[in-house]
Amino acid sequence: MNKALVNHSIFNVFNLLLFFLLCAFLAPTLALADAAEEIKALIMEDNAESRATLTADSEGISKHGSLEFWSSGGLMQYVPADAPPASWESFALTPKHIKVVTLVEDQAAVAMFYSEGSFHESGQKPVSHYMTRATLVFVKEDGEWKQRAAHYSPIAAGQGTQQTSLD
């Protein structure tokens, strides 16, 4: 057999093996990036919808509800999936620097970001300088990411919400 042909065949087998190994190692990384991008897009879409409709996404909470600490500094709140959506007289918040940590691929993830701007929730005093750190826990239910927990904390010199409970 021709020595050049043997070397060429070994080279092709090596390249094919290298290709499959790279695919095996990179596929989970690409999937993790997909979950992070899905959640980032969801946060941005929900924010844009709230700006446009002046109401919160009523279907974004887990069927098990969401445990939350609000930026008002009140006690932990349980927000059920069927809670009436928040509504605003004005809403000009912007999520910034969104980072997502995937906990269990395609099942659970945590998003951390800053929320900044102003808003006036119906029935509350306006908040003109909202500057808050947000941590949201997401779980996937029936193929869609849903919020299961949240923690909002005001940044120094910023202001949190006025509301301290759902009541």
N, C-alpha and C. Protein backbone atom coordinates (compact mmCIF):
# COMPACT_ATOMS: atom_id res chain seq x y z
N MET A 1 0.85 -1.18 0.00
CA MET A 1 0.00 0.00 0.00
C MET A 1 0.89 1.24 0.00
N ASN A 2 0.44 2.27 -0.65
CA ASN A 2 1.19 3.51 -0.78
C ASN A 2 1.29 4.20 0.58
N LYS A 3 2.52 4.56 0.97
CA LYS A 3 2.76 5.19 2.27
C LYS A 3 2.02 6.53 2.38
N ALA A 4 1.96 7.31 1.32
CA ALA A 4 1.25 8.60 1.33
C ALA A 4 -0.24 8.39 1.55
N LEU A 5 -0.80 7.32 0.95
CA LEU A 5 -2.22 7.02 1.11
C LEU A 5 -2.53 6.63 2.55
N VAL A 6 -1.65 5.84 3.17
CA VAL A 6 -1.82 5.44 4.56
C VAL A 6 -1.76 6.67 5.47
N ASN A 7 -0.77 7.52 5.27
CA ASN A 7 -0.65 8.74 6.08
C ASN A 7 -1.87 9.64 5.91
N HIS A 8 -2.37 9.75 4.68
CA HIS A 8 -3.56 10.57 4.41
C HIS A 8 -4.78 9.99 5.13
N SER A 9 -4.93 8.67 5.12
CA SER A 9 -6.06 8.01 5.79
C SER A 9 -5.99 8.20 7.30
N ILE A 10 -4.80 8.06 7.86
CA ILE A 10 -4.63 8.26 9.31
C ILE A 10 -4.95 9.71 9.66
N PHE A 11 -4.51 10.65 8.82
CA PHE A 11 -4.80 12.06 9.04
C PHE A 11 -6.31 12.32 9.01
N ASN A 12 -7.02 11.72 8.06
CA ASN A 12 -8.48 11.89 7.95
C ASN A 12 -9.20 11.29 9.16
N VAL A 13 -8.77 10.12 9.61
CA VAL A 13 -9.38 9.50 10.78
C VAL A 13 -9.13 10.37 12.02
N PHE A 14 -7.91 10.88 12.16
CA PHE A 14 -7.58 11.75 13.28
C PHE A 14 -8.46 13.01 13.26
N ASN A 15 -8.61 13.63 12.09
CA ASN A 15 -9.45 14.84 11.97
C ASN A 15 -10.90 14.53 12.31
N LEU A 16 -11.39 13.40 11.85
CA LEU A 16 -12.77 13.01 12.14
C LEU A 16 -12.96 12.79 13.64
N LEU A 17 -12.02 12.11 14.27
CA LEU A 17 -12.07 11.88 15.71
C LEU A 17 -12.02 13.21 16.47
N LEU A 18 -11.14 14.09 16.05
CA LEU A 18 -11.02 15.40 16.68
C LEU A 18 -12.33 16.18 16.55
N PHE A 19 -12.95 16.12 15.38
CA PHE A 19 -14.22 16.80 15.15
C PHE A 19 -15.29 16.29 16.12
N PHE A 20 -15.41 14.97 16.25
CA PHE A 20 -16.43 14.41 17.15
C PHE A 20 -16.14 14.74 18.62
N LEU A 21 -14.88 14.75 19.00
CA LEU A 21 -14.54 15.12 20.37
C LEU A 21 -14.89 16.58 20.65
N LEU A 22 -14.58 17.45 19.71
CA LEU A 22 -14.93 18.86 19.88
C LEU A 22 -16.44 19.04 19.98
N CYS A 23 -17.18 18.33 19.14
CA CYS A 23 -18.65 18.42 19.20
C CYS A 23 -19.17 17.95 20.56
N ALA A 24 -18.60 16.86 21.06
CA ALA A 24 -19.05 16.32 22.35
C ALA A 24 -18.78 17.29 23.49
N PHE A 25 -17.64 18.00 23.43
CA PHE A 25 -17.30 18.93 24.50
C PHE A 25 -17.99 20.28 24.35
N LEU A 26 -18.21 20.72 23.12
CA LEU A 26 -18.79 22.04 22.91
C LEU A 26 -20.31 22.04 22.94
N ALA A 27 -20.95 20.94 22.65
CA ALA A 27 -22.42 20.90 22.61
C ALA A 27 -23.04 21.34 23.94
N PRO A 28 -22.58 20.84 25.10
CA PRO A 28 -23.17 21.33 26.36
C PRO A 28 -22.94 22.82 26.57
N THR A 29 -21.79 23.33 26.16
CA THR A 29 -21.51 24.75 26.30
C THR A 29 -22.46 25.57 25.45
N LEU A 30 -22.72 25.10 24.24
CA LEU A 30 -23.66 25.81 23.37
C LEU A 30 -25.06 25.77 23.95
N ALA A 31 -25.44 24.64 24.55
CA ALA A 31 -26.77 24.53 25.16
C ALA A 31 -26.88 25.48 26.35
N LEU A 32 -25.81 25.59 27.15
CA LEU A 32 -25.84 26.51 28.28
C LEU A 32 -26.00 27.94 27.79
N ALA A 33 -25.32 28.26 26.70
CA ALA A 33 -25.44 29.60 26.14
C ALA A 33 -26.86 29.84 25.65
N ASP A 34 -27.50 28.81 25.10
CA ASP A 34 -28.88 28.96 24.62
C ASP A 34 -29.82 29.30 25.77
N ALA A 35 -29.69 28.60 26.90
CA ALA A 35 -30.56 28.87 28.06
C ALA A 35 -30.33 30.30 28.55
N ALA A 36 -29.09 30.71 28.63
CA ALA A 36 -28.78 32.07 29.08
C ALA A 36 -29.37 33.09 28.13
N GLU A 37 -29.24 32.86 26.83
CA GLU A 37 -29.78 33.79 25.85
C GLU A 37 -31.31 33.82 25.90
N GLU A 38 -31.93 32.66 26.11
CA GLU A 38 -33.40 32.60 26.23
C GLU A 38 -33.88 33.45 27.40
N ILE A 39 -33.21 33.32 28.53
CA ILE A 39 -33.63 34.06 29.73
C ILE A 39 -33.35 35.55 29.58
N LYS A 40 -32.20 35.91 29.02
CA LYS A 40 -31.92 37.33 28.77
C LYS A 40 -33.00 37.92 27.87
N ALA A 41 -33.34 37.20 26.81
CA ALA A 41 -34.37 37.68 25.88
C ALA A 41 -35.72 37.81 26.59
N LEU A 42 -36.04 36.84 27.45
CA LEU A 42 -37.30 36.88 28.19
C LEU A 42 -37.38 38.12 29.08
N ILE A 43 -36.30 38.42 29.78
CA ILE A 43 -36.27 39.60 30.66
C ILE A 43 -36.48 40.87 29.83
N MET A 44 -35.79 40.96 28.71
CA MET A 44 -35.92 42.15 27.86
C MET A 44 -37.32 42.24 27.25
N GLU A 45 -37.88 41.11 26.80
CA GLU A 45 -39.23 41.11 26.22
C GLU A 45 -40.28 41.49 27.25
N ASP A 46 -40.17 40.92 28.46
CA ASP A 46 -41.12 41.26 29.52
C ASP A 46 -41.05 42.74 29.86
N ASN A 47 -39.84 43.29 29.90
CA ASN A 47 -39.67 44.71 30.19
C ASN A 47 -40.30 45.56 29.09
N ALA A 48 -40.07 45.19 27.84
CA ALA A 48 -40.65 45.94 26.71
C ALA A 48 -42.17 45.86 26.73
N GLU A 49 -42.70 44.68 27.08
CA GLU A 49 -44.16 44.52 27.17
C GLU A 49 -44.74 45.38 28.29
N SER A 50 -44.05 45.43 29.42
CA SER A 50 -44.51 46.26 30.54
C SER A 50 -44.51 47.73 30.15
N ARG A 51 -43.49 48.16 29.42
CA ARG A 51 -43.43 49.56 28.96
C ARG A 51 -44.60 49.86 28.03
N ALA A 52 -44.91 48.91 27.15
CA ALA A 52 -45.95 49.14 26.13
C ALA A 52 -47.36 49.05 26.70
N THR A 53 -47.59 48.10 27.62
CA THR A 53 -48.95 47.85 28.10
C THR A 53 -49.22 48.41 29.49
N LEU A 54 -48.17 48.81 30.19
CA LEU A 54 -48.26 49.28 31.58
C LEU A 54 -48.85 48.22 32.51
N THR A 55 -48.63 46.94 32.17
CA THR A 55 -49.00 45.83 33.05
C THR A 55 -47.86 44.81 33.05
N ALA A 56 -47.78 44.04 34.13
CA ALA A 56 -46.76 43.00 34.24
C ALA A 56 -47.21 41.76 33.47
N ASP A 57 -46.25 40.92 33.14
CA ASP A 57 -46.54 39.65 32.48
C ASP A 57 -47.27 38.76 33.48
N SER A 58 -48.52 38.46 33.20
CA SER A 58 -49.32 37.67 34.16
C SER A 58 -49.05 36.18 34.06
N GLU A 59 -48.29 35.74 33.07
CA GLU A 59 -48.03 34.31 32.90
C GLU A 59 -46.58 33.94 33.17
N GLY A 60 -45.81 34.87 33.73
CA GLY A 60 -44.39 34.62 33.93
C GLY A 60 -44.02 33.97 35.24
N ILE A 61 -44.99 33.77 36.13
CA ILE A 61 -44.73 33.18 37.44
C ILE A 61 -44.92 31.66 37.37
N SER A 62 -44.09 30.93 38.07
CA SER A 62 -44.19 29.47 38.14
C SER A 62 -45.56 29.04 38.65
N LYS A 63 -46.00 27.87 38.23
CA LYS A 63 -47.27 27.32 38.72
C LYS A 63 -47.22 27.10 40.23
N HIS A 64 -46.01 27.06 40.79
CA HIS A 64 -45.83 26.90 42.24
C HIS A 64 -45.69 28.26 42.94
N GLY A 65 -45.81 29.34 42.18
CA GLY A 65 -45.66 30.68 42.74
C GLY A 65 -44.21 31.11 42.79
N SER A 66 -43.98 32.27 43.38
CA SER A 66 -42.63 32.84 43.48
C SER A 66 -42.44 33.42 44.88
N LEU A 67 -41.34 33.04 45.52
CA LEU A 67 -40.97 33.65 46.80
C LEU A 67 -40.09 34.85 46.48
N GLU A 68 -40.40 36.00 47.10
CA GLU A 68 -39.72 37.23 46.71
C GLU A 68 -39.39 38.13 47.89
N PHE A 69 -38.21 38.75 47.81
CA PHE A 69 -37.85 39.88 48.65
C PHE A 69 -37.88 41.10 47.75
N TRP A 70 -38.66 42.10 48.12
CA TRP A 70 -38.81 43.29 47.30
C TRP A 70 -37.86 44.37 47.77
N SER A 71 -37.61 45.33 46.90
CA SER A 71 -36.66 46.40 47.20
C SER A 71 -37.17 47.38 48.25
N SER A 72 -38.42 47.23 48.66
CA SER A 72 -38.98 48.08 49.71
C SER A 72 -38.41 47.73 51.08
N GLY A 73 -37.79 46.55 51.19
CA GLY A 73 -37.20 46.13 52.45
C GLY A 73 -38.17 45.39 53.35
N GLY A 74 -39.35 45.08 52.86
CA GLY A 74 -40.33 44.36 53.66
C GLY A 74 -39.97 42.90 53.83
N LEU A 75 -40.91 42.16 54.40
CA LEU A 75 -40.73 40.73 54.63
C LEU A 75 -40.86 39.95 53.34
N MET A 76 -40.45 38.67 53.38
CA MET A 76 -40.57 37.81 52.22
C MET A 76 -42.04 37.71 51.79
N GLN A 77 -42.26 37.75 50.50
CA GLN A 77 -43.61 37.67 49.94
C GLN A 77 -43.75 36.40 49.10
N TYR A 78 -44.94 35.82 49.13
CA TYR A 78 -45.27 34.71 48.22
C TYR A 78 -46.21 35.27 47.17
N VAL A 79 -45.82 35.18 45.91
CA VAL A 79 -46.65 35.65 44.81
C VAL A 79 -47.18 34.42 44.09
N PRO A 80 -48.49 34.14 44.20
CA PRO A 80 -49.05 32.97 43.53
C PRO A 80 -49.10 33.17 42.02
N ALA A 81 -49.16 32.07 41.30
CA ALA A 81 -49.20 32.13 39.83
C ALA A 81 -50.41 32.91 39.34
N ASP A 82 -51.50 32.87 40.10
CA ASP A 82 -52.73 33.54 39.65
C ASP A 82 -52.90 34.94 40.26
N ALA A 83 -51.82 35.50 40.81
CA ALA A 83 -51.91 36.86 41.37
C ALA A 83 -52.25 37.84 40.25
N PRO A 84 -53.08 38.84 40.56
CA PRO A 84 -53.37 39.84 39.53
C PRO A 84 -52.08 40.55 39.12
N PRO A 85 -51.89 40.78 37.84
CA PRO A 85 -50.65 41.44 37.40
C PRO A 85 -50.58 42.88 37.88
N ALA A 86 -49.38 43.32 38.19
CA ALA A 86 -49.16 44.72 38.57
C ALA A 86 -49.50 45.61 37.39
N SER A 87 -49.95 46.83 37.70
CA SER A 87 -50.20 47.80 36.64
C SER A 87 -49.58 49.13 37.04
N TRP A 88 -49.23 49.92 36.04
CA TRP A 88 -48.53 51.17 36.29
C TRP A 88 -49.20 52.32 35.56
N GLU A 89 -49.05 53.50 36.12
CA GLU A 89 -49.44 54.73 35.41
C GLU A 89 -48.31 55.15 34.48
N SER A 90 -47.07 54.84 34.88
CA SER A 90 -45.91 55.05 34.01
C SER A 90 -44.89 53.96 34.34
N PHE A 91 -44.11 53.58 33.34
CA PHE A 91 -43.11 52.52 33.53
C PHE A 91 -41.94 52.80 32.60
N ALA A 92 -40.80 53.15 33.17
CA ALA A 92 -39.61 53.45 32.38
C ALA A 92 -38.37 52.81 33.02
N LEU A 93 -38.47 51.51 33.32
CA LEU A 93 -37.34 50.79 33.88
C LEU A 93 -36.54 50.13 32.75
N THR A 94 -35.24 49.98 32.98
CA THR A 94 -34.37 49.33 32.01
C THR A 94 -33.50 48.30 32.73
N PRO A 95 -33.59 47.02 32.33
CA PRO A 95 -32.66 46.03 32.89
C PRO A 95 -31.29 46.19 32.23
N LYS A 96 -30.24 46.12 33.04
CA LYS A 96 -28.88 46.34 32.53
C LYS A 96 -27.94 45.25 33.01
N HIS A 97 -26.95 44.93 32.19
CA HIS A 97 -25.87 44.00 32.53
C HIS A 97 -26.42 42.65 33.00
N ILE A 98 -27.29 42.06 32.23
CA ILE A 98 -27.91 40.78 32.61
C ILE A 98 -26.89 39.65 32.49
N LYS A 99 -26.74 38.91 33.56
CA LYS A 99 -25.88 37.72 33.58
C LYS A 99 -26.75 36.55 34.02
N VAL A 100 -26.58 35.40 33.37
CA VAL A 100 -27.39 34.22 33.69
C VAL A 100 -26.46 33.06 34.04
N VAL A 101 -26.75 32.40 35.15
CA VAL A 101 -26.03 31.20 35.57
C VAL A 101 -26.99 30.03 35.42
N THR A 102 -26.63 29.07 34.57
CA THR A 102 -27.46 27.88 34.41
C THR A 102 -27.14 26.92 35.54
N LEU A 103 -28.16 26.50 36.28
CA LEU A 103 -27.97 25.57 37.39
C LEU A 103 -28.12 24.13 36.92
N VAL A 104 -29.22 23.84 36.24
CA VAL A 104 -29.46 22.53 35.64
C VAL A 104 -29.93 22.81 34.22
N GLU A 105 -29.16 22.36 33.24
CA GLU A 105 -29.46 22.69 31.85
C GLU A 105 -30.91 22.40 31.49
N ASP A 106 -31.53 23.40 30.92
CA ASP A 106 -32.91 23.34 30.42
C ASP A 106 -33.93 23.08 31.53
N GLN A 107 -33.52 23.33 32.81
CA GLN A 107 -34.44 23.13 33.93
C GLN A 107 -34.45 24.30 34.91
N ALA A 108 -33.27 24.84 35.23
CA ALA A 108 -33.20 25.89 36.25
C ALA A 108 -32.02 26.81 35.99
N ALA A 109 -32.25 28.11 36.23
CA ALA A 109 -31.19 29.10 36.03
C ALA A 109 -31.46 30.32 36.90
N VAL A 110 -30.42 31.11 37.13
CA VAL A 110 -30.52 32.34 37.91
C VAL A 110 -30.04 33.50 37.05
N ALA A 111 -30.83 34.56 37.02
CA ALA A 111 -30.43 35.78 36.30
C ALA A 111 -30.14 36.87 37.31
N MET A 112 -29.07 37.61 37.08
CA MET A 112 -28.72 38.75 37.93
C MET A 112 -28.51 39.96 37.03
N PHE A 113 -29.08 41.09 37.45
CA PHE A 113 -28.94 42.30 36.64
C PHE A 113 -29.29 43.52 37.49
N TYR A 114 -29.14 44.68 36.89
CA TYR A 114 -29.55 45.93 37.51
C TYR A 114 -30.82 46.40 36.82
N SER A 115 -31.71 46.99 37.59
CA SER A 115 -32.92 47.60 37.02
C SER A 115 -32.90 49.06 37.43
N GLU A 116 -33.01 49.93 36.44
CA GLU A 116 -32.84 51.35 36.71
C GLU A 116 -33.88 52.15 35.93
N GLY A 117 -34.35 53.23 36.53
CA GLY A 117 -35.27 54.13 35.84
C GLY A 117 -36.30 54.69 36.80
N SER A 118 -37.53 54.83 36.29
CA SER A 118 -38.63 55.36 37.11
C SER A 118 -39.91 54.64 36.76
N PHE A 119 -40.85 54.67 37.70
CA PHE A 119 -42.17 54.09 37.44
C PHE A 119 -43.17 54.65 38.44
N HIS A 120 -44.42 54.47 38.13
CA HIS A 120 -45.49 54.87 39.03
C HIS A 120 -46.51 53.74 39.02
N GLU A 121 -46.43 52.88 40.05
CA GLU A 121 -47.36 51.76 40.15
C GLU A 121 -48.73 52.30 40.55
N SER A 122 -49.77 51.76 39.94
CA SER A 122 -51.14 52.18 40.24
C SER A 122 -51.41 52.06 41.73
N GLY A 123 -51.94 53.12 42.33
CA GLY A 123 -52.28 53.12 43.75
C GLY A 123 -51.11 53.38 44.68
N GLN A 124 -49.92 53.62 44.14
CA GLN A 124 -48.72 53.86 44.95
C GLN A 124 -48.14 55.23 44.60
N LYS A 125 -47.17 55.66 45.40
CA LYS A 125 -46.45 56.89 45.09
C LYS A 125 -45.47 56.62 43.94
N PRO A 126 -45.22 57.61 43.09
CA PRO A 126 -44.24 57.42 42.02
C PRO A 126 -42.83 57.20 42.58
N VAL A 127 -42.04 56.43 41.87
CA VAL A 127 -40.64 56.22 42.21
C VAL A 127 -39.83 56.81 41.07
N SER A 128 -39.15 57.92 41.35
CA SER A 128 -38.47 58.66 40.29
C SER A 128 -37.02 58.23 40.05
N HIS A 129 -36.44 57.52 41.02
CA HIS A 129 -35.03 57.15 40.88
C HIS A 129 -34.84 55.71 41.36
N TYR A 130 -35.44 54.77 40.62
CA TYR A 130 -35.34 53.36 40.97
C TYR A 130 -33.99 52.83 40.50
N MET A 131 -33.21 52.30 41.42
CA MET A 131 -31.91 51.72 41.11
C MET A 131 -31.75 50.49 41.99
N THR A 132 -31.90 49.32 41.38
CA THR A 132 -31.99 48.10 42.17
C THR A 132 -31.20 46.96 41.53
N ARG A 133 -30.63 46.12 42.39
CA ARG A 133 -30.05 44.85 41.94
C ARG A 133 -31.17 43.83 41.94
N ALA A 134 -31.22 43.00 40.91
CA ALA A 134 -32.27 41.98 40.82
C ALA A 134 -31.63 40.61 40.64
N THR A 135 -32.14 39.64 41.38
CA THR A 135 -31.77 38.24 41.20
C THR A 135 -33.06 37.47 41.02
N LEU A 136 -33.21 36.83 39.87
CA LEU A 136 -34.42 36.07 39.56
C LEU A 136 -34.06 34.62 39.32
N VAL A 137 -34.81 33.71 39.92
CA VAL A 137 -34.62 32.28 39.73
C VAL A 137 -35.69 31.80 38.76
N PHE A 138 -35.25 31.11 37.72
CA PHE A 138 -36.17 30.60 36.70
C PHE A 138 -36.15 29.08 36.68
N VAL A 139 -37.33 28.50 36.45
CA VAL A 139 -37.46 27.06 36.21
C VAL A 139 -38.21 26.89 34.89
N LYS A 140 -37.96 25.77 34.24
CA LYS A 140 -38.65 25.52 32.98
C LYS A 140 -39.86 24.64 33.26
N GLU A 141 -41.03 25.12 32.86
CA GLU A 141 -42.29 24.39 33.03
C GLU A 141 -42.99 24.32 31.68
N ASP A 142 -43.29 23.12 31.25
CA ASP A 142 -43.98 22.93 29.97
C ASP A 142 -43.28 23.67 28.84
N GLY A 143 -41.95 23.61 28.83
CA GLY A 143 -41.16 24.20 27.76
C GLY A 143 -40.94 25.70 27.84
N GLU A 144 -41.40 26.35 28.91
CA GLU A 144 -41.24 27.80 29.04
C GLU A 144 -40.58 28.15 30.37
N TRP A 145 -39.73 29.18 30.35
CA TRP A 145 -39.08 29.65 31.57
C TRP A 145 -40.07 30.44 32.41
N LYS A 146 -40.16 30.10 33.71
CA LYS A 146 -41.06 30.78 34.65
C LYS A 146 -40.26 31.20 35.88
N GLN A 147 -40.65 32.33 36.46
CA GLN A 147 -39.98 32.84 37.66
C GLN A 147 -40.44 32.08 38.89
N ARG A 148 -39.48 31.59 39.68
CA ARG A 148 -39.79 30.82 40.89
C ARG A 148 -39.41 31.57 42.16
N ALA A 149 -38.47 32.51 42.05
CA ALA A 149 -38.05 33.32 43.20
C ALA A 149 -37.41 34.60 42.69
N ALA A 150 -37.40 35.62 43.56
CA ALA A 150 -36.79 36.90 43.18
C ALA A 150 -36.30 37.62 44.43
N HIS A 151 -35.24 38.38 44.25
CA HIS A 151 -34.70 39.22 45.32
C HIS A 151 -34.27 40.53 44.69
N TYR A 152 -34.86 41.62 45.14
CA TYR A 152 -34.53 42.96 44.66
C TYR A 152 -33.95 43.75 45.83
N SER A 153 -32.81 44.37 45.63
CA SER A 153 -32.23 45.18 46.70
C SER A 153 -31.76 46.51 46.12
N PRO A 154 -32.14 47.63 46.78
CA PRO A 154 -31.77 48.94 46.25
C PRO A 154 -30.26 49.17 46.31
N ILE A 155 -29.78 49.87 45.32
CA ILE A 155 -28.38 50.27 45.28
C ILE A 155 -28.27 51.58 46.06
N ALA A 156 -27.17 51.79 46.77
CA ALA A 156 -26.97 53.04 47.52
C ALA A 156 -27.23 54.23 46.61
N ALA A 157 -27.95 55.19 47.11
CA ALA A 157 -28.34 56.42 46.41
C ALA A 157 -29.56 56.19 45.52
N GLY A 158 -29.99 54.94 45.39
CA GLY A 158 -31.20 54.66 44.63
C GLY A 158 -32.37 54.47 45.57
N GLN A 159 -33.50 54.17 45.02
CA GLN A 159 -34.71 54.02 45.82
C GLN A 159 -35.38 52.72 45.41
N GLY A 160 -35.94 52.00 46.37
CA GLY A 160 -36.71 50.80 46.08
C GLY A 160 -38.17 51.14 45.90
N THR A 161 -39.01 50.14 45.91
CA THR A 161 -40.44 50.35 45.76
C THR A 161 -41.04 50.85 47.06
N GLN A 162 -42.30 51.21 47.04
CA GLN A 162 -43.04 51.62 48.24
C GLN A 162 -43.83 50.44 48.81
N GLN A 163 -44.22 49.51 47.94
CA GLN A 163 -45.11 48.42 48.33
C GLN A 163 -44.37 47.39 49.19
N THR A 164 -45.02 46.94 50.27
CA THR A 164 -44.40 45.96 51.16
C THR A 164 -45.15 44.64 51.22
N SER A 165 -46.32 44.54 50.59
CA SER A 165 -47.06 43.28 50.54
C SER A 165 -48.05 43.32 49.40
N LEU A 166 -48.64 42.16 49.11
CA LEU A 166 -49.66 42.09 48.07
C LEU A 166 -50.99 42.65 48.55
N ASP A 167 -51.16 42.76 49.85
CA ASP A 167 -52.43 43.22 50.43
C ASP A 167 -52.66 44.70 50.22
